[in-house]
């Protein structure tokens, strides 16, 4: 067997080993992607083709170096991942299990962000800070939270469990559990205190602005009568 063929077999073996390790260690995340994305066509497709998963795998590696205080290496890995996936996750962030980023392009997760279990993010989401303060300056996201595309959650605030942040909302205040937030700035609407459906059914999300407009229209109708 020629040297080139041996090297090729070694490379293939390492790739297969890498895929196997990712499948084993990120099983929960892969299953979460299959559950939350109707376009997911199978376990292998998610494993090989989903940039959200690739960004998360790279983040887990960089986070290990970050905890070892090897900040330059951690940041270098995260920047390479950003270049490859379009998703920026700071190695200092803390992310729970079952995390899924759908589509993913433009997602930014800041250094002191804390994300709970089974959280779903869509493209363009920003978990950012609001200034140059030190210490905890990024959001804390609870369990089973859905954050719609383009939403911005800024500052050291908390989004409670089972909440939904609507697309393009700007959230700068704490959000209690089981809440929906829409608009700029974000306004909270309750949905009977029930856990929200993580399928992100946009058409049934309550919009407080439209609710206010409807109320004004009803008042005008009553006055005209």
N, C-alpha and C. Protein backbone atom coordinates (compact mmCIF):
# COMPACT_ATOMS: atom_id res chain seq x y z
N UNK A 1 0.84 -1.20 0.00
CA UNK A 1 0.00 0.00 0.00
C UNK A 1 0.88 1.25 0.00
N UNK A 2 0.59 2.18 -0.89
CA UNK A 2 1.40 3.38 -1.00
C UNK A 2 1.21 4.28 0.21
N UNK A 3 2.17 5.19 0.42
CA UNK A 3 2.12 6.12 1.54
C UNK A 3 0.90 7.04 1.43
N UNK A 4 0.61 7.51 0.21
CA UNK A 4 -0.54 8.42 0.02
C UNK A 4 -1.84 7.73 0.39
N UNK A 5 -1.98 6.44 0.03
CA UNK A 5 -3.18 5.71 0.35
C UNK A 5 -3.33 5.51 1.86
N UNK A 6 -2.20 5.25 2.52
CA UNK A 6 -2.23 5.10 3.97
C UNK A 6 -2.67 6.40 4.65
N UNK A 7 -2.13 7.51 4.16
CA UNK A 7 -2.50 8.82 4.73
C UNK A 7 -3.99 9.08 4.51
N UNK A 8 -4.50 8.72 3.32
CA UNK A 8 -5.91 8.90 3.01
C UNK A 8 -6.79 8.11 3.96
N UNK A 9 -6.40 6.84 4.23
CA UNK A 9 -7.16 6.01 5.15
C UNK A 9 -7.13 6.57 6.58
N UNK A 10 -5.97 7.12 6.96
CA UNK A 10 -5.85 7.72 8.29
C UNK A 10 -6.78 8.93 8.41
N UNK A 11 -6.80 9.76 7.38
CA UNK A 11 -7.66 10.95 7.39
C UNK A 11 -9.12 10.55 7.46
N UNK A 12 -9.51 9.55 6.64
CA UNK A 12 -10.90 9.08 6.66
C UNK A 12 -11.26 8.53 8.03
N UNK A 13 -10.33 7.78 8.62
CA UNK A 13 -10.57 7.23 9.95
C UNK A 13 -10.76 8.30 11.00
N UNK A 14 -9.94 9.36 10.92
CA UNK A 14 -10.06 10.46 11.88
C UNK A 14 -11.38 11.20 11.71
N UNK A 15 -11.81 11.39 10.45
CA UNK A 15 -13.09 12.05 10.19
C UNK A 15 -14.25 11.23 10.75
N UNK A 16 -14.21 9.92 10.52
CA UNK A 16 -15.26 9.04 11.04
C UNK A 16 -15.28 9.06 12.56
N UNK A 17 -14.07 9.05 13.16
CA UNK A 17 -13.98 9.12 14.62
C UNK A 17 -14.56 10.42 15.15
N UNK A 18 -14.24 11.52 14.48
CA UNK A 18 -14.76 12.82 14.89
C UNK A 18 -16.28 12.85 14.81
N UNK A 19 -16.83 12.34 13.71
CA UNK A 19 -18.29 12.30 13.55
C UNK A 19 -18.92 11.45 14.64
N UNK A 20 -18.30 10.32 14.94
CA UNK A 20 -18.82 9.44 15.99
C UNK A 20 -18.81 10.10 17.35
N UNK A 21 -17.73 10.83 17.66
CA UNK A 21 -17.64 11.52 18.95
C UNK A 21 -18.68 12.62 19.06
N UNK A 22 -18.88 13.38 17.97
CA UNK A 22 -19.89 14.44 17.98
C UNK A 22 -21.27 13.84 18.17
N UNK A 23 -21.55 12.73 17.46
CA UNK A 23 -22.85 12.08 17.58
C UNK A 23 -23.10 11.60 19.00
N UNK A 24 -22.04 11.13 19.66
CA UNK A 24 -22.19 10.60 21.03
C UNK A 24 -22.35 11.72 22.05
N UNK A 25 -21.50 12.75 21.96
CA UNK A 25 -21.49 13.79 22.98
C UNK A 25 -22.57 14.86 22.76
N UNK A 26 -23.08 14.95 21.54
CA UNK A 26 -24.08 15.99 21.24
C UNK A 26 -25.40 15.36 20.78
N UNK A 27 -25.68 14.21 21.32
CA UNK A 27 -26.91 13.50 20.95
C UNK A 27 -28.15 14.32 21.28
N UNK A 28 -28.18 14.93 22.47
CA UNK A 28 -29.34 15.73 22.88
C UNK A 28 -29.57 16.89 21.93
N UNK A 29 -28.49 17.56 21.52
CA UNK A 29 -28.61 18.72 20.62
C UNK A 29 -29.09 18.29 19.23
N UNK A 30 -28.60 17.14 18.76
CA UNK A 30 -29.02 16.65 17.45
C UNK A 30 -30.50 16.28 17.47
N UNK A 31 -30.94 15.60 18.53
CA UNK A 31 -32.35 15.25 18.65
C UNK A 31 -33.22 16.50 18.80
N UNK A 32 -32.69 17.53 19.49
CA UNK A 32 -33.42 18.79 19.63
C UNK A 32 -33.63 19.44 18.26
N UNK A 33 -32.60 19.39 17.41
CA UNK A 33 -32.72 19.95 16.07
C UNK A 33 -33.77 19.20 15.26
N UNK A 34 -33.78 17.89 15.37
CA UNK A 34 -34.78 17.09 14.65
C UNK A 34 -36.19 17.41 15.12
N UNK A 35 -36.34 17.66 16.42
CA UNK A 35 -37.65 17.94 16.98
C UNK A 35 -38.15 19.32 16.63
N UNK A 36 -37.25 20.30 16.63
CA UNK A 36 -37.65 21.69 16.50
C UNK A 36 -37.62 22.22 15.07
N UNK A 37 -36.96 21.49 14.16
CA UNK A 37 -36.87 21.96 12.78
C UNK A 37 -37.58 20.97 11.86
N UNK A 38 -38.73 21.33 11.30
CA UNK A 38 -39.44 20.42 10.40
C UNK A 38 -38.68 20.10 9.13
N UNK A 39 -37.64 20.91 8.81
CA UNK A 39 -36.85 20.66 7.62
C UNK A 39 -35.75 19.63 7.84
N UNK A 40 -35.52 19.24 9.09
CA UNK A 40 -34.47 18.26 9.40
C UNK A 40 -34.86 16.91 8.82
N UNK A 41 -34.01 16.36 7.97
CA UNK A 41 -34.33 15.13 7.25
C UNK A 41 -33.67 13.89 7.84
N UNK A 42 -33.17 14.00 9.04
CA UNK A 42 -32.58 12.83 9.65
C UNK A 42 -31.39 13.17 10.52
N UNK A 43 -31.00 12.20 11.34
CA UNK A 43 -29.91 12.37 12.29
C UNK A 43 -28.62 12.75 11.59
N UNK A 44 -28.29 12.03 10.51
CA UNK A 44 -27.02 12.27 9.80
C UNK A 44 -26.99 13.64 9.14
N UNK A 45 -28.12 14.06 8.60
CA UNK A 45 -28.18 15.38 7.95
C UNK A 45 -27.90 16.49 8.96
N UNK A 46 -28.49 16.39 10.15
CA UNK A 46 -28.24 17.39 11.19
C UNK A 46 -26.77 17.35 11.61
N UNK A 47 -26.25 16.16 11.77
CA UNK A 47 -24.87 15.99 12.22
C UNK A 47 -23.88 16.62 11.26
N UNK A 48 -24.12 16.50 9.96
CA UNK A 48 -23.14 16.93 8.97
C UNK A 48 -23.41 18.32 8.40
N UNK A 49 -24.66 18.76 8.38
CA UNK A 49 -25.01 19.92 7.57
C UNK A 49 -25.52 21.13 8.34
N UNK A 50 -25.76 21.00 9.65
CA UNK A 50 -26.36 22.11 10.39
C UNK A 50 -25.28 22.96 11.06
N UNK A 51 -25.15 24.22 10.57
CA UNK A 51 -24.11 25.09 11.11
C UNK A 51 -24.35 25.46 12.56
N UNK A 52 -25.62 25.44 12.99
CA UNK A 52 -25.91 25.70 14.40
C UNK A 52 -25.27 24.66 15.30
N UNK A 53 -25.32 23.40 14.89
CA UNK A 53 -24.68 22.33 15.65
C UNK A 53 -23.17 22.48 15.62
N UNK A 54 -22.62 22.80 14.44
CA UNK A 54 -21.17 22.95 14.31
C UNK A 54 -20.66 24.08 15.20
N UNK A 55 -21.42 25.19 15.23
CA UNK A 55 -21.03 26.31 16.09
C UNK A 55 -21.06 25.91 17.55
N UNK A 56 -22.04 25.11 17.95
CA UNK A 56 -22.14 24.67 19.33
C UNK A 56 -21.00 23.73 19.70
N UNK A 57 -20.66 22.81 18.80
CA UNK A 57 -19.53 21.90 19.05
C UNK A 57 -18.25 22.69 19.27
N UNK A 58 -18.01 23.66 18.38
CA UNK A 58 -16.80 24.47 18.50
C UNK A 58 -16.82 25.30 19.77
N UNK A 59 -18.01 25.82 20.13
CA UNK A 59 -18.13 26.57 21.38
C UNK A 59 -17.74 25.70 22.58
N UNK A 60 -18.23 24.46 22.62
CA UNK A 60 -17.92 23.58 23.76
C UNK A 60 -16.40 23.40 23.90
N UNK A 61 -15.72 23.29 22.78
CA UNK A 61 -14.26 23.13 22.81
C UNK A 61 -13.61 24.41 23.33
N UNK A 62 -14.01 25.55 22.76
CA UNK A 62 -13.41 26.83 23.17
C UNK A 62 -13.72 27.14 24.63
N UNK A 63 -14.88 26.71 25.12
CA UNK A 63 -15.26 26.96 26.51
C UNK A 63 -14.33 26.24 27.48
N UNK A 64 -13.87 25.05 27.09
CA UNK A 64 -12.91 24.31 27.92
C UNK A 64 -11.62 25.11 28.07
N UNK A 65 -11.11 25.65 26.97
CA UNK A 65 -9.89 26.47 27.03
C UNK A 65 -10.14 27.75 27.84
N UNK A 66 -11.35 28.32 27.69
CA UNK A 66 -11.67 29.53 28.44
C UNK A 66 -11.62 29.28 29.95
N UNK A 67 -12.16 28.16 30.38
CA UNK A 67 -12.16 27.83 31.81
C UNK A 67 -10.75 27.53 32.31
N UNK A 68 -9.84 27.17 31.40
CA UNK A 68 -8.44 26.95 31.76
C UNK A 68 -7.64 28.26 31.72
N UNK A 69 -8.35 29.38 31.45
CA UNK A 69 -7.74 30.71 31.35
C UNK A 69 -6.80 30.84 30.16
N UNK A 70 -6.99 30.00 29.16
CA UNK A 70 -6.25 30.12 27.90
C UNK A 70 -7.13 30.93 26.95
N UNK A 71 -7.27 32.22 27.27
CA UNK A 71 -8.25 33.06 26.62
C UNK A 71 -7.96 33.28 25.14
N UNK A 72 -6.68 33.42 24.77
CA UNK A 72 -6.36 33.67 23.38
C UNK A 72 -6.74 32.47 22.51
N UNK A 73 -6.40 31.27 22.97
CA UNK A 73 -6.74 30.06 22.20
C UNK A 73 -8.26 29.92 22.10
N UNK A 74 -8.95 30.15 23.22
CA UNK A 74 -10.41 30.04 23.22
C UNK A 74 -11.03 31.01 22.23
N UNK A 75 -10.54 32.25 22.24
CA UNK A 75 -11.08 33.27 21.35
C UNK A 75 -10.73 32.97 19.90
N UNK A 76 -9.55 32.43 19.65
CA UNK A 76 -9.15 32.07 18.29
C UNK A 76 -10.08 31.00 17.72
N UNK A 77 -10.37 30.00 18.53
CA UNK A 77 -11.28 28.93 18.08
C UNK A 77 -12.66 29.50 17.78
N UNK A 78 -13.14 30.39 18.65
CA UNK A 78 -14.47 30.95 18.44
C UNK A 78 -14.52 31.83 17.19
N UNK A 79 -13.44 32.53 16.89
CA UNK A 79 -13.41 33.37 15.70
C UNK A 79 -13.36 32.53 14.42
N UNK A 80 -12.65 31.42 14.47
CA UNK A 80 -12.64 30.50 13.32
C UNK A 80 -14.05 29.95 13.09
N UNK A 81 -14.72 29.61 14.19
CA UNK A 81 -16.08 29.12 14.08
C UNK A 81 -17.01 30.19 13.51
N UNK A 82 -16.81 31.42 13.94
CA UNK A 82 -17.63 32.52 13.41
C UNK A 82 -17.44 32.65 11.90
N UNK A 83 -16.21 32.54 11.45
CA UNK A 83 -15.91 32.64 10.01
C UNK A 83 -16.58 31.51 9.24
N UNK A 84 -16.58 30.30 9.82
CA UNK A 84 -17.10 29.12 9.13
C UNK A 84 -18.63 29.03 9.16
N UNK A 85 -19.25 29.53 10.24
CA UNK A 85 -20.69 29.31 10.42
C UNK A 85 -21.54 30.58 10.38
N UNK A 86 -20.92 31.75 10.57
CA UNK A 86 -21.69 32.99 10.67
C UNK A 86 -22.35 33.18 12.01
N UNK A 87 -21.97 32.36 12.99
CA UNK A 87 -22.52 32.42 14.34
C UNK A 87 -21.41 32.73 15.32
N UNK A 88 -21.60 33.74 16.16
CA UNK A 88 -20.57 34.13 17.13
C UNK A 88 -21.03 33.81 18.55
N UNK A 89 -20.39 32.82 19.14
CA UNK A 89 -20.65 32.47 20.54
C UNK A 89 -19.37 32.70 21.33
N UNK A 90 -19.40 33.63 22.25
CA UNK A 90 -18.20 33.89 23.05
C UNK A 90 -17.90 32.66 23.91
N UNK A 91 -16.63 32.26 23.99
CA UNK A 91 -16.28 31.06 24.78
C UNK A 91 -16.60 31.18 26.26
N UNK A 92 -16.83 32.39 26.75
CA UNK A 92 -17.16 32.56 28.16
C UNK A 92 -18.62 32.33 28.49
N UNK A 93 -19.48 32.26 27.47
CA UNK A 93 -20.91 32.04 27.72
C UNK A 93 -21.13 30.65 28.32
N UNK A 94 -22.27 30.49 29.00
CA UNK A 94 -22.64 29.21 29.60
C UNK A 94 -23.95 28.75 28.99
N UNK A 95 -23.92 27.57 28.36
CA UNK A 95 -25.06 27.08 27.59
C UNK A 95 -25.45 25.68 28.07
N UNK A 96 -26.74 25.48 28.32
CA UNK A 96 -27.25 24.20 28.79
C UNK A 96 -27.42 23.19 27.67
N UNK A 97 -28.06 22.08 27.99
CA UNK A 97 -28.24 20.99 27.02
C UNK A 97 -29.48 21.23 26.17
N UNK A 98 -29.56 20.50 25.06
CA UNK A 98 -30.72 20.62 24.18
C UNK A 98 -30.82 21.95 23.46
N UNK A 99 -29.71 22.67 23.35
CA UNK A 99 -29.69 24.00 22.71
C UNK A 99 -29.70 23.84 21.20
N UNK A 100 -30.48 24.69 20.51
CA UNK A 100 -30.56 24.60 19.04
C UNK A 100 -30.65 25.99 18.45
N UNK A 101 -29.81 26.25 17.43
CA UNK A 101 -29.85 27.48 16.66
C UNK A 101 -30.33 27.13 15.26
N UNK A 102 -31.52 27.61 14.89
CA UNK A 102 -32.07 27.31 13.57
C UNK A 102 -31.61 28.38 12.57
N UNK A 103 -31.14 27.95 11.42
CA UNK A 103 -30.56 28.81 10.39
C UNK A 103 -29.25 29.43 10.90
N UNK A 104 -29.35 30.32 11.89
CA UNK A 104 -28.17 30.70 12.65
C UNK A 104 -27.41 31.92 12.20
N UNK A 105 -27.43 32.26 10.92
CA UNK A 105 -26.59 33.36 10.45
C UNK A 105 -26.86 34.64 11.23
N UNK A 106 -25.78 35.26 11.72
CA UNK A 106 -25.89 36.53 12.43
C UNK A 106 -26.17 36.43 13.90
N UNK A 107 -26.25 35.24 14.47
CA UNK A 107 -26.47 35.09 15.90
C UNK A 107 -25.23 35.52 16.67
N UNK A 108 -25.42 36.31 17.73
CA UNK A 108 -24.32 36.76 18.59
C UNK A 108 -24.69 36.47 20.05
N UNK A 109 -23.82 35.76 20.75
CA UNK A 109 -24.04 35.43 22.16
C UNK A 109 -22.85 35.96 22.95
N UNK A 110 -23.11 36.91 23.85
CA UNK A 110 -22.04 37.60 24.56
C UNK A 110 -21.39 36.77 25.66
N UNK A 111 -20.29 37.30 26.18
CA UNK A 111 -19.40 36.58 27.09
C UNK A 111 -20.07 36.09 28.36
N UNK A 112 -20.89 36.91 28.99
CA UNK A 112 -21.48 36.52 30.28
C UNK A 112 -22.92 36.04 30.15
N UNK A 113 -23.31 35.69 28.94
CA UNK A 113 -24.65 35.13 28.73
C UNK A 113 -24.75 33.77 29.40
N UNK A 114 -25.93 33.49 29.96
CA UNK A 114 -26.24 32.18 30.53
C UNK A 114 -27.52 31.69 29.86
N UNK A 115 -27.46 30.49 29.29
CA UNK A 115 -28.59 29.94 28.55
C UNK A 115 -28.97 28.60 29.17
N UNK A 116 -30.24 28.43 29.49
CA UNK A 116 -30.72 27.20 30.11
C UNK A 116 -30.86 26.05 29.14
N UNK A 117 -31.65 25.06 29.53
CA UNK A 117 -31.84 23.85 28.73
C UNK A 117 -32.97 24.04 27.71
N UNK A 118 -32.81 23.35 26.57
CA UNK A 118 -33.86 23.27 25.54
C UNK A 118 -34.28 24.64 25.03
N UNK A 119 -33.30 25.50 24.79
CA UNK A 119 -33.56 26.84 24.25
C UNK A 119 -33.42 26.81 22.73
N UNK A 120 -34.30 27.54 22.06
CA UNK A 120 -34.31 27.62 20.60
C UNK A 120 -34.08 29.06 20.17
N UNK A 121 -33.06 29.29 19.34
CA UNK A 121 -32.75 30.61 18.79
C UNK A 121 -32.89 30.56 17.27
N UNK A 122 -33.40 31.65 16.72
CA UNK A 122 -33.46 31.79 15.27
C UNK A 122 -32.40 32.79 14.78
N UNK A 123 -32.32 32.95 13.47
CA UNK A 123 -31.26 33.75 12.88
C UNK A 123 -31.31 35.20 13.35
N UNK A 124 -30.12 35.80 13.46
CA UNK A 124 -30.04 37.22 13.78
C UNK A 124 -30.28 37.58 15.22
N UNK A 125 -30.38 36.62 16.11
CA UNK A 125 -30.60 36.91 17.53
C UNK A 125 -29.33 37.46 18.16
N UNK A 126 -29.47 38.46 19.02
CA UNK A 126 -28.34 39.03 19.76
C UNK A 126 -28.62 38.96 21.26
N UNK A 127 -27.71 38.32 21.98
CA UNK A 127 -27.70 38.37 23.44
C UNK A 127 -26.52 39.26 23.81
N UNK A 128 -26.77 40.54 23.98
CA UNK A 128 -25.69 41.51 24.08
C UNK A 128 -25.69 42.31 25.37
N UNK A 129 -24.65 43.13 25.51
CA UNK A 129 -24.54 44.05 26.64
C UNK A 129 -25.05 45.42 26.27
N UNK A 130 -25.07 46.31 27.24
CA UNK A 130 -25.57 47.67 27.00
C UNK A 130 -24.53 48.75 27.27
N UNK A 131 -23.32 48.37 27.60
CA UNK A 131 -22.30 49.38 27.91
C UNK A 131 -20.95 48.75 28.15
N UNK A 132 -20.09 49.49 28.85
CA UNK A 132 -18.73 49.03 29.10
C UNK A 132 -18.54 48.51 30.52
N UNK A 133 -19.66 48.22 31.21
CA UNK A 133 -19.55 47.75 32.58
C UNK A 133 -18.86 46.40 32.64
N UNK A 134 -18.25 46.11 33.78
CA UNK A 134 -17.59 44.83 33.99
C UNK A 134 -18.55 43.85 34.65
N UNK A 135 -18.13 42.61 34.79
CA UNK A 135 -18.95 41.60 35.45
C UNK A 135 -20.08 41.12 34.56
N UNK A 136 -21.16 40.68 35.18
CA UNK A 136 -22.31 40.14 34.44
C UNK A 136 -23.01 41.26 33.70
N UNK A 137 -22.97 41.21 32.40
CA UNK A 137 -23.53 42.29 31.59
C UNK A 137 -24.37 41.78 30.42
N UNK A 138 -24.57 40.48 30.35
CA UNK A 138 -25.37 39.89 29.28
C UNK A 138 -26.56 39.13 29.88
N UNK A 139 -27.54 38.77 29.05
CA UNK A 139 -28.77 38.18 29.58
C UNK A 139 -28.60 36.76 30.14
N UNK A 140 -29.56 36.40 30.98
CA UNK A 140 -29.73 35.03 31.45
C UNK A 140 -31.04 34.52 30.89
N UNK A 141 -30.98 33.44 30.13
CA UNK A 141 -32.15 32.87 29.46
C UNK A 141 -32.54 31.58 30.16
N UNK A 142 -33.80 31.47 30.55
CA UNK A 142 -34.28 30.29 31.26
C UNK A 142 -34.44 29.08 30.37
N UNK A 143 -35.07 28.05 30.90
CA UNK A 143 -35.30 26.80 30.16
C UNK A 143 -36.52 26.93 29.23
N UNK A 144 -36.46 26.18 28.13
CA UNK A 144 -37.60 26.08 27.19
C UNK A 144 -38.02 27.44 26.63
N UNK A 145 -37.05 28.30 26.36
CA UNK A 145 -37.33 29.63 25.81
C UNK A 145 -37.13 29.60 24.29
N UNK A 146 -38.00 30.29 23.58
CA UNK A 146 -37.87 30.47 22.13
C UNK A 146 -37.62 31.94 21.84
N UNK A 147 -36.59 32.23 21.04
CA UNK A 147 -36.27 33.61 20.69
C UNK A 147 -36.32 33.74 19.17
N UNK A 148 -37.26 34.55 18.68
CA UNK A 148 -37.50 34.69 17.26
C UNK A 148 -36.42 35.46 16.52
N UNK A 149 -36.42 35.34 15.19
CA UNK A 149 -35.40 35.94 14.35
C UNK A 149 -35.26 37.44 14.54
N UNK A 150 -34.01 37.90 14.63
CA UNK A 150 -33.72 39.31 14.72
C UNK A 150 -33.94 39.94 16.09
N UNK A 151 -34.36 39.15 17.06
CA UNK A 151 -34.62 39.70 18.39
C UNK A 151 -33.31 40.09 19.08
N UNK A 152 -33.38 41.13 19.90
CA UNK A 152 -32.22 41.59 20.66
C UNK A 152 -32.58 41.61 22.14
N UNK A 153 -31.81 40.89 22.94
CA UNK A 153 -32.00 40.88 24.40
C UNK A 153 -30.73 41.45 24.99
N UNK A 154 -30.85 42.59 25.65
CA UNK A 154 -29.68 43.39 26.00
C UNK A 154 -29.58 43.64 27.50
N UNK A 155 -28.37 43.49 28.02
CA UNK A 155 -28.10 43.81 29.41
C UNK A 155 -28.23 42.61 30.34
N UNK A 156 -27.93 42.86 31.60
CA UNK A 156 -27.98 41.82 32.62
C UNK A 156 -29.42 41.65 33.09
N UNK A 157 -30.23 41.04 32.24
CA UNK A 157 -31.64 40.80 32.54
C UNK A 157 -31.91 39.30 32.46
N UNK A 158 -33.09 38.91 32.94
CA UNK A 158 -33.46 37.50 32.95
C UNK A 158 -34.74 37.28 32.15
N UNK A 159 -34.71 36.27 31.30
CA UNK A 159 -35.91 35.83 30.59
C UNK A 159 -36.34 34.52 31.23
N UNK A 160 -37.55 34.51 31.81
CA UNK A 160 -38.01 33.37 32.57
C UNK A 160 -38.31 32.14 31.72
N UNK A 161 -38.43 31.01 32.38
CA UNK A 161 -38.70 29.73 31.72
C UNK A 161 -39.97 29.80 30.87
N UNK A 162 -39.96 29.01 29.78
CA UNK A 162 -41.14 28.80 28.94
C UNK A 162 -41.65 30.08 28.28
N UNK A 163 -40.76 31.04 28.06
CA UNK A 163 -41.17 32.30 27.45
C UNK A 163 -40.84 32.32 25.96
N UNK A 164 -41.50 33.23 25.26
CA UNK A 164 -41.27 33.41 23.83
C UNK A 164 -40.97 34.88 23.55
N UNK A 165 -39.86 35.12 22.86
CA UNK A 165 -39.48 36.47 22.44
C UNK A 165 -39.75 36.57 20.96
N UNK A 166 -40.65 37.47 20.57
CA UNK A 166 -41.06 37.57 19.17
C UNK A 166 -39.95 38.09 18.26
N UNK A 167 -40.11 37.85 16.98
CA UNK A 167 -39.14 38.29 15.98
C UNK A 167 -38.96 39.81 16.04
N UNK A 168 -37.69 40.24 16.02
CA UNK A 168 -37.29 41.65 15.99
C UNK A 168 -37.64 42.42 17.26
N UNK A 169 -38.04 41.74 18.31
CA UNK A 169 -38.29 42.42 19.58
C UNK A 169 -36.97 42.90 20.18
N UNK A 170 -37.04 43.99 20.93
CA UNK A 170 -35.88 44.50 21.67
C UNK A 170 -36.24 44.46 23.15
N UNK A 171 -35.56 43.59 23.89
CA UNK A 171 -35.90 43.36 25.29
C UNK A 171 -34.80 43.94 26.18
N UNK A 172 -35.17 44.85 27.09
CA UNK A 172 -34.18 45.48 27.97
C UNK A 172 -34.61 45.39 29.44
N UNK A 173 -35.70 44.66 29.70
CA UNK A 173 -36.18 44.47 31.07
C UNK A 173 -36.44 42.98 31.32
N UNK A 174 -36.45 42.60 32.59
CA UNK A 174 -36.72 41.21 32.95
C UNK A 174 -38.06 40.75 32.39
N UNK A 175 -38.09 39.46 32.01
CA UNK A 175 -39.31 38.84 31.50
C UNK A 175 -39.70 37.71 32.45
N UNK A 176 -40.90 37.74 33.02
CA UNK A 176 -41.31 36.66 33.92
C UNK A 176 -41.54 35.36 33.15
N UNK A 177 -41.58 34.23 33.84
CA UNK A 177 -41.83 32.95 33.16
C UNK A 177 -43.18 32.94 32.44
N UNK A 178 -43.29 32.08 31.43
CA UNK A 178 -44.54 31.85 30.70
C UNK A 178 -45.09 33.12 30.06
N UNK A 179 -44.18 33.93 29.48
CA UNK A 179 -44.59 35.21 28.90
C UNK A 179 -44.23 35.26 27.42
N UNK A 180 -44.92 36.15 26.74
CA UNK A 180 -44.59 36.48 25.36
C UNK A 180 -44.18 37.94 25.31
N UNK A 181 -43.11 38.24 24.58
CA UNK A 181 -42.64 39.62 24.44
C UNK A 181 -42.56 39.95 22.96
N UNK A 182 -43.16 41.06 22.55
CA UNK A 182 -43.08 41.51 21.17
C UNK A 182 -42.86 43.02 21.15
N UNK A 183 -42.37 43.53 20.02
CA UNK A 183 -42.29 44.97 19.81
C UNK A 183 -40.98 45.59 20.23
N UNK A 184 -40.90 46.92 19.94
CA UNK A 184 -39.72 47.73 20.26
C UNK A 184 -40.20 48.99 20.97
N UNK A 185 -39.86 49.19 22.25
CA UNK A 185 -39.22 48.20 23.12
C UNK A 185 -40.17 47.06 23.43
N UNK A 186 -39.63 45.95 23.89
CA UNK A 186 -40.44 44.77 24.11
C UNK A 186 -41.54 44.98 25.13
N UNK A 187 -42.73 44.50 24.79
CA UNK A 187 -43.86 44.53 25.71
C UNK A 187 -44.27 43.10 26.03
N UNK A 188 -44.68 42.88 27.27
CA UNK A 188 -45.01 41.53 27.73
C UNK A 188 -46.50 41.28 27.57
N UNK A 189 -46.84 40.13 27.01
CA UNK A 189 -48.23 39.66 27.00
C UNK A 189 -48.25 38.26 27.60
N UNK A 190 -49.20 38.02 28.46
CA UNK A 190 -49.36 36.70 29.05
C UNK A 190 -50.21 35.83 28.13
N UNK A 191 -49.96 34.54 28.17
CA UNK A 191 -50.79 33.60 27.43
C UNK A 191 -51.34 32.56 28.40
N UNK A 192 -52.16 33.02 29.32
CA UNK A 192 -52.85 32.17 30.28
C UNK A 192 -51.91 31.40 31.20
N UNK A 193 -50.67 31.86 31.32
CA UNK A 193 -49.72 31.21 32.22
C UNK A 193 -49.32 29.83 31.79
N UNK A 194 -49.61 29.46 30.54
CA UNK A 194 -49.29 28.12 30.06
C UNK A 194 -47.95 28.11 29.34
N UNK A 195 -47.30 26.97 29.35
CA UNK A 195 -46.06 26.80 28.62
C UNK A 195 -46.31 27.03 27.14
N UNK A 196 -45.44 27.82 26.52
CA UNK A 196 -45.63 28.13 25.11
C UNK A 196 -45.18 26.98 24.24
N UNK A 197 -45.80 26.86 23.07
CA UNK A 197 -45.46 25.81 22.12
C UNK A 197 -44.20 26.20 21.38
N UNK A 198 -43.13 25.40 21.49
CA UNK A 198 -41.85 25.75 20.89
C UNK A 198 -41.84 25.57 19.38
N UNK A 199 -43.01 25.28 18.77
CA UNK A 199 -43.05 25.21 17.31
C UNK A 199 -43.05 26.61 16.70
N UNK A 200 -43.12 27.64 17.54
CA UNK A 200 -43.07 29.04 17.10
C UNK A 200 -44.20 29.34 16.13
N UNK A 201 -45.41 29.22 16.61
CA UNK A 201 -46.60 29.48 15.81
C UNK A 201 -46.85 30.99 15.79
N UNK A 202 -46.22 31.69 14.84
CA UNK A 202 -46.23 33.15 14.81
C UNK A 202 -47.64 33.74 14.77
N UNK A 203 -48.54 33.10 14.05
CA UNK A 203 -49.84 33.72 13.80
C UNK A 203 -50.73 33.75 15.02
N UNK A 204 -50.39 32.99 16.08
CA UNK A 204 -51.20 32.99 17.29
C UNK A 204 -50.53 33.71 18.46
N UNK A 205 -49.44 34.40 18.20
CA UNK A 205 -48.78 35.17 19.25
C UNK A 205 -49.50 36.50 19.45
N UNK A 206 -49.81 36.81 20.68
CA UNK A 206 -50.51 38.05 20.98
C UNK A 206 -49.61 39.26 20.75
N UNK A 207 -50.15 40.28 20.10
CA UNK A 207 -49.42 41.51 19.82
C UNK A 207 -50.06 42.64 20.62
N UNK A 208 -49.39 43.17 21.66
CA UNK A 208 -50.01 44.19 22.50
C UNK A 208 -50.30 45.48 21.75
N UNK A 209 -49.51 45.81 20.76
CA UNK A 209 -49.74 47.03 19.99
C UNK A 209 -51.06 46.92 19.22
N UNK A 210 -51.24 45.77 18.54
CA UNK A 210 -52.49 45.57 17.81
C UNK A 210 -53.68 45.48 18.76
N UNK A 211 -53.46 44.90 19.94
CA UNK A 211 -54.53 44.86 20.93
C UNK A 211 -54.95 46.28 21.33
N UNK A 212 -53.97 47.18 21.55
CA UNK A 212 -54.28 48.56 21.90
C UNK A 212 -55.01 49.28 20.77
N UNK A 213 -54.57 49.02 19.53
CA UNK A 213 -55.23 49.64 18.38
C UNK A 213 -56.68 49.16 18.27
N UNK A 214 -56.88 47.85 18.49
CA UNK A 214 -58.24 47.31 18.44
C UNK A 214 -59.13 47.95 19.52
N UNK A 215 -58.54 48.13 20.72
CA UNK A 215 -59.31 48.76 21.79
C UNK A 215 -59.68 50.21 21.45
N UNK A 216 -58.74 50.94 20.85
CA UNK A 216 -59.01 52.32 20.44
C UNK A 216 -60.10 52.37 19.38
N UNK A 217 -60.05 51.43 18.43
CA UNK A 217 -61.08 51.39 17.39
C UNK A 217 -62.45 51.13 17.99
N UNK A 218 -62.51 50.23 18.98
CA UNK A 218 -63.78 49.93 19.63
C UNK A 218 -64.32 51.15 20.37
N UNK A 219 -63.41 51.89 21.04
CA UNK A 219 -63.83 53.09 21.77
C UNK A 219 -64.35 54.15 20.80
N UNK A 220 -63.66 54.30 19.65
CA UNK A 220 -64.12 55.27 18.65
C UNK A 220 -65.49 54.90 18.11
N UNK A 221 -65.69 53.60 17.88
CA UNK A 221 -66.99 53.15 17.39
C UNK A 221 -68.10 53.46 18.39
N UNK A 222 -67.78 53.23 19.68
CA UNK A 222 -68.78 53.52 20.72
C UNK A 222 -69.09 55.02 20.80
N UNK A 223 -68.04 55.85 20.68
CA UNK A 223 -68.23 57.30 20.73
C UNK A 223 -69.05 57.79 19.55
N UNK A 224 -68.78 57.24 18.36
CA UNK A 224 -69.53 57.64 17.18
C UNK A 224 -71.01 57.28 17.28
N UNK A 225 -71.25 56.17 17.94
CA UNK A 225 -72.66 55.76 18.11
C UNK A 225 -73.37 56.65 19.13
